[in-house]
Amino acid sequence: MLVLGRKKGESIIIDDQIEITINSVEGETVKLGIEAPRHITIHRKEVYLEIQEENKKAMSNVIDISDFLKMKK
């Protein structure tokens, strides 16, 4: 893990495409501004983990098409 110190208004650049700027620091909360191409998805980690869990659940609910056709009869 790379750890950088930044002050309000300062930025970091990732792969010439993503710019992360420190917008404000209030107590223990840091507000970030993120500029990235539209094709790059950005999520808070807890939301990302929920999405991954839901995807796993959805994959476990996949049924075989022949089983589906049997249920329809």
N, C-alpha and C. Protein backbone atom coordinates (compact mmCIF):
# COMPACT_ATOMS: atom_id res chain seq x y z
N MET A 1 0.85 -1.18 0.00
CA MET A 1 0.00 0.00 0.00
C MET A 1 0.89 1.24 0.00
N LEU A 2 0.59 2.16 -0.87
CA LEU A 2 1.27 3.44 -0.92
C LEU A 2 0.51 4.41 -0.03
N VAL A 3 1.19 5.07 0.87
CA VAL A 3 0.57 6.05 1.76
C VAL A 3 1.16 7.41 1.44
N LEU A 4 0.28 8.37 1.12
CA LEU A 4 0.71 9.73 0.77
C LEU A 4 0.09 10.74 1.71
N GLY A 5 0.81 11.78 2.01
CA GLY A 5 0.25 12.90 2.76
C GLY A 5 -0.17 13.98 1.78
N ARG A 6 -1.38 14.49 1.89
CA ARG A 6 -1.89 15.54 1.01
C ARG A 6 -2.62 16.56 1.86
N LYS A 7 -2.61 17.80 1.43
CA LYS A 7 -3.34 18.87 2.11
C LYS A 7 -4.55 19.24 1.27
N LYS A 8 -5.46 20.00 1.88
CA LYS A 8 -6.65 20.46 1.18
C LYS A 8 -6.25 21.13 -0.13
N GLY A 9 -6.93 20.72 -1.21
CA GLY A 9 -6.66 21.29 -2.52
C GLY A 9 -5.60 20.54 -3.33
N GLU A 10 -4.86 19.65 -2.67
CA GLU A 10 -3.83 18.90 -3.38
C GLU A 10 -4.45 17.61 -3.95
N SER A 11 -3.77 17.07 -4.97
CA SER A 11 -4.31 15.92 -5.69
C SER A 11 -3.26 14.84 -5.86
N ILE A 12 -3.75 13.67 -6.27
CA ILE A 12 -2.88 12.62 -6.78
C ILE A 12 -3.48 12.18 -8.12
N ILE A 13 -2.63 11.68 -9.00
CA ILE A 13 -3.06 11.19 -10.31
C ILE A 13 -2.75 9.70 -10.39
N ILE A 14 -3.71 8.92 -10.88
CA ILE A 14 -3.54 7.49 -11.03
C ILE A 14 -3.66 7.15 -12.51
N ASP A 15 -2.62 6.55 -13.05
CA ASP A 15 -2.61 6.03 -14.42
C ASP A 15 -3.04 7.07 -15.47
N ASP A 16 -2.67 8.30 -15.30
CA ASP A 16 -2.99 9.39 -16.25
C ASP A 16 -4.48 9.57 -16.51
N GLN A 17 -5.34 8.90 -15.74
CA GLN A 17 -6.78 8.96 -16.00
C GLN A 17 -7.61 9.40 -14.81
N ILE A 18 -7.14 9.14 -13.62
CA ILE A 18 -7.94 9.38 -12.42
C ILE A 18 -7.23 10.42 -11.56
N GLU A 19 -7.97 11.45 -11.19
CA GLU A 19 -7.43 12.47 -10.28
C GLU A 19 -8.26 12.47 -9.01
N ILE A 20 -7.58 12.34 -7.89
CA ILE A 20 -8.23 12.38 -6.58
C ILE A 20 -7.73 13.63 -5.87
N THR A 21 -8.67 14.49 -5.49
CA THR A 21 -8.35 15.76 -4.86
C THR A 21 -8.92 15.79 -3.45
N ILE A 22 -8.14 16.30 -2.51
CA ILE A 22 -8.63 16.50 -1.14
C ILE A 22 -9.46 17.78 -1.15
N ASN A 23 -10.78 17.65 -0.94
CA ASN A 23 -11.66 18.82 -0.93
C ASN A 23 -11.73 19.49 0.44
N SER A 24 -11.79 18.67 1.49
CA SER A 24 -11.84 19.24 2.83
C SER A 24 -11.47 18.18 3.86
N VAL A 25 -11.07 18.66 5.01
CA VAL A 25 -10.78 17.79 6.16
C VAL A 25 -11.52 18.39 7.34
N GLU A 26 -12.45 17.59 7.91
CA GLU A 26 -13.25 18.05 9.05
C GLU A 26 -13.17 16.99 10.14
N GLY A 27 -12.38 17.22 11.16
CA GLY A 27 -12.18 16.22 12.19
C GLY A 27 -11.52 14.99 11.60
N GLU A 28 -12.18 13.84 11.73
CA GLU A 28 -11.64 12.60 11.17
C GLU A 28 -12.19 12.28 9.78
N THR A 29 -12.96 13.20 9.21
CA THR A 29 -13.57 12.98 7.89
C THR A 29 -12.81 13.75 6.82
N VAL A 30 -12.44 13.04 5.78
CA VAL A 30 -11.77 13.65 4.63
C VAL A 30 -12.73 13.54 3.45
N LYS A 31 -13.01 14.67 2.78
CA LYS A 31 -13.88 14.65 1.60
C LYS A 31 -12.99 14.68 0.37
N LEU A 32 -13.23 13.69 -0.51
CA LEU A 32 -12.43 13.53 -1.72
C LEU A 32 -13.26 13.88 -2.94
N GLY A 33 -12.61 14.48 -3.91
CA GLY A 33 -13.20 14.67 -5.23
C GLY A 33 -12.48 13.73 -6.18
N ILE A 34 -13.23 13.01 -7.00
CA ILE A 34 -12.63 12.03 -7.90
C ILE A 34 -13.08 12.34 -9.32
N GLU A 35 -12.10 12.55 -10.20
CA GLU A 35 -12.38 12.72 -11.62
C GLU A 35 -11.82 11.51 -12.34
N ALA A 36 -12.69 10.84 -13.10
CA ALA A 36 -12.29 9.64 -13.82
C ALA A 36 -13.16 9.50 -15.07
N PRO A 37 -12.68 8.78 -16.06
CA PRO A 37 -13.52 8.52 -17.24
C PRO A 37 -14.80 7.81 -16.84
N ARG A 38 -15.85 8.02 -17.60
CA ARG A 38 -17.16 7.45 -17.27
C ARG A 38 -17.16 5.93 -17.24
N HIS A 39 -16.27 5.28 -17.99
CA HIS A 39 -16.28 3.82 -18.02
C HIS A 39 -15.66 3.19 -16.77
N ILE A 40 -15.09 4.00 -15.90
CA ILE A 40 -14.51 3.50 -14.65
C ILE A 40 -15.54 3.65 -13.54
N THR A 41 -15.91 2.54 -12.91
CA THR A 41 -16.87 2.61 -11.81
C THR A 41 -16.14 2.92 -10.51
N ILE A 42 -16.79 3.73 -9.69
CA ILE A 42 -16.22 4.14 -8.40
C ILE A 42 -17.28 3.89 -7.33
N HIS A 43 -16.91 3.14 -6.30
CA HIS A 43 -17.82 2.84 -5.19
C HIS A 43 -17.07 3.00 -3.87
N ARG A 44 -17.81 3.35 -2.82
CA ARG A 44 -17.25 3.20 -1.48
C ARG A 44 -17.02 1.71 -1.26
N LYS A 45 -16.01 1.36 -0.49
CA LYS A 45 -15.67 -0.06 -0.33
C LYS A 45 -16.83 -0.87 0.22
N GLU A 46 -17.56 -0.34 1.20
CA GLU A 46 -18.66 -1.12 1.78
C GLU A 46 -19.75 -1.39 0.75
N VAL A 47 -19.98 -0.45 -0.17
CA VAL A 47 -20.97 -0.66 -1.23
C VAL A 47 -20.44 -1.70 -2.22
N TYR A 48 -19.17 -1.60 -2.57
CA TYR A 48 -18.54 -2.56 -3.48
C TYR A 48 -18.65 -3.98 -2.93
N LEU A 49 -18.38 -4.15 -1.64
CA LEU A 49 -18.46 -5.48 -1.03
C LEU A 49 -19.90 -6.01 -1.04
N GLU A 50 -20.88 -5.14 -0.83
CA GLU A 50 -22.29 -5.56 -0.90
C GLU A 50 -22.65 -6.01 -2.32
N ILE A 51 -22.18 -5.28 -3.32
CA ILE A 51 -22.44 -5.64 -4.70
C ILE A 51 -21.84 -7.02 -4.99
N GLN A 52 -20.61 -7.24 -4.54
CA GLN A 52 -19.96 -8.54 -4.76
C GLN A 52 -20.75 -9.67 -4.09
N GLU A 53 -21.23 -9.42 -2.89
CA GLU A 53 -22.01 -10.45 -2.17
C GLU A 53 -23.32 -10.74 -2.89
N GLU A 54 -23.99 -9.71 -3.36
CA GLU A 54 -25.24 -9.91 -4.10
C GLU A 54 -24.99 -10.67 -5.40
N ASN A 55 -23.88 -10.38 -6.06
CA ASN A 55 -23.54 -11.11 -7.28
C ASN A 55 -23.31 -12.59 -6.99
N LYS A 56 -22.64 -12.88 -5.88
CA LYS A 56 -22.42 -14.28 -5.49
C LYS A 56 -23.75 -14.98 -5.23
N LYS A 57 -24.66 -14.30 -4.53
CA LYS A 57 -25.98 -14.88 -4.25
C LYS A 57 -26.75 -15.13 -5.53
N ALA A 58 -26.68 -14.19 -6.46
CA ALA A 58 -27.40 -14.33 -7.72
C ALA A 58 -26.86 -15.52 -8.51
N MET A 59 -25.56 -15.72 -8.49
CA MET A 59 -24.97 -16.84 -9.21
C MET A 59 -25.35 -18.18 -8.59
N SER A 60 -25.56 -18.21 -7.29
CA SER A 60 -25.94 -19.46 -6.64
C SER A 60 -27.39 -19.82 -6.91
N ASN A 61 -28.17 -18.87 -7.40
CA ASN A 61 -29.59 -19.11 -7.71
C ASN A 61 -29.82 -19.49 -9.17
N VAL A 62 -28.77 -19.70 -9.93
CA VAL A 62 -28.90 -20.06 -11.34
C VAL A 62 -29.40 -21.49 -11.44
N ILE A 63 -30.41 -21.69 -12.29
CA ILE A 63 -30.92 -23.05 -12.49
C ILE A 63 -30.68 -23.47 -13.94
N ASP A 64 -30.63 -24.75 -14.14
CA ASP A 64 -30.45 -25.32 -15.48
C ASP A 64 -31.73 -25.11 -16.28
N ILE A 65 -31.61 -24.80 -17.57
CA ILE A 65 -32.78 -24.54 -18.40
C ILE A 65 -33.72 -25.74 -18.47
N SER A 66 -33.17 -26.95 -18.45
CA SER A 66 -34.04 -28.14 -18.48
C SER A 66 -34.86 -28.24 -17.19
N ASP A 67 -34.27 -27.86 -16.06
CA ASP A 67 -35.03 -27.84 -14.80
C ASP A 67 -36.14 -26.80 -14.87
N PHE A 68 -35.85 -25.67 -15.48
CA PHE A 68 -36.85 -24.62 -15.61
C PHE A 68 -38.02 -25.10 -16.47
N LEU A 69 -37.71 -25.75 -17.57
CA LEU A 69 -38.77 -26.25 -18.45
C LEU A 69 -39.62 -27.30 -17.76
N LYS A 70 -39.00 -28.13 -16.90
CA LYS A 70 -39.76 -29.14 -16.15
C LYS A 70 -40.73 -28.47 -15.18
N MET A 71 -40.29 -27.38 -14.56
CA MET A 71 -41.16 -26.66 -13.61
C MET A 71 -42.35 -26.04 -14.33
N LYS A 72 -42.15 -25.64 -15.56
CA LYS A 72 -43.20 -24.96 -16.31
C LYS A 72 -44.34 -25.91 -16.69
N LYS A 73 -44.05 -27.22 -16.82
CA LYS A 73 -45.07 -28.20 -17.23
C LYS A 73 -46.06 -28.50 -16.16
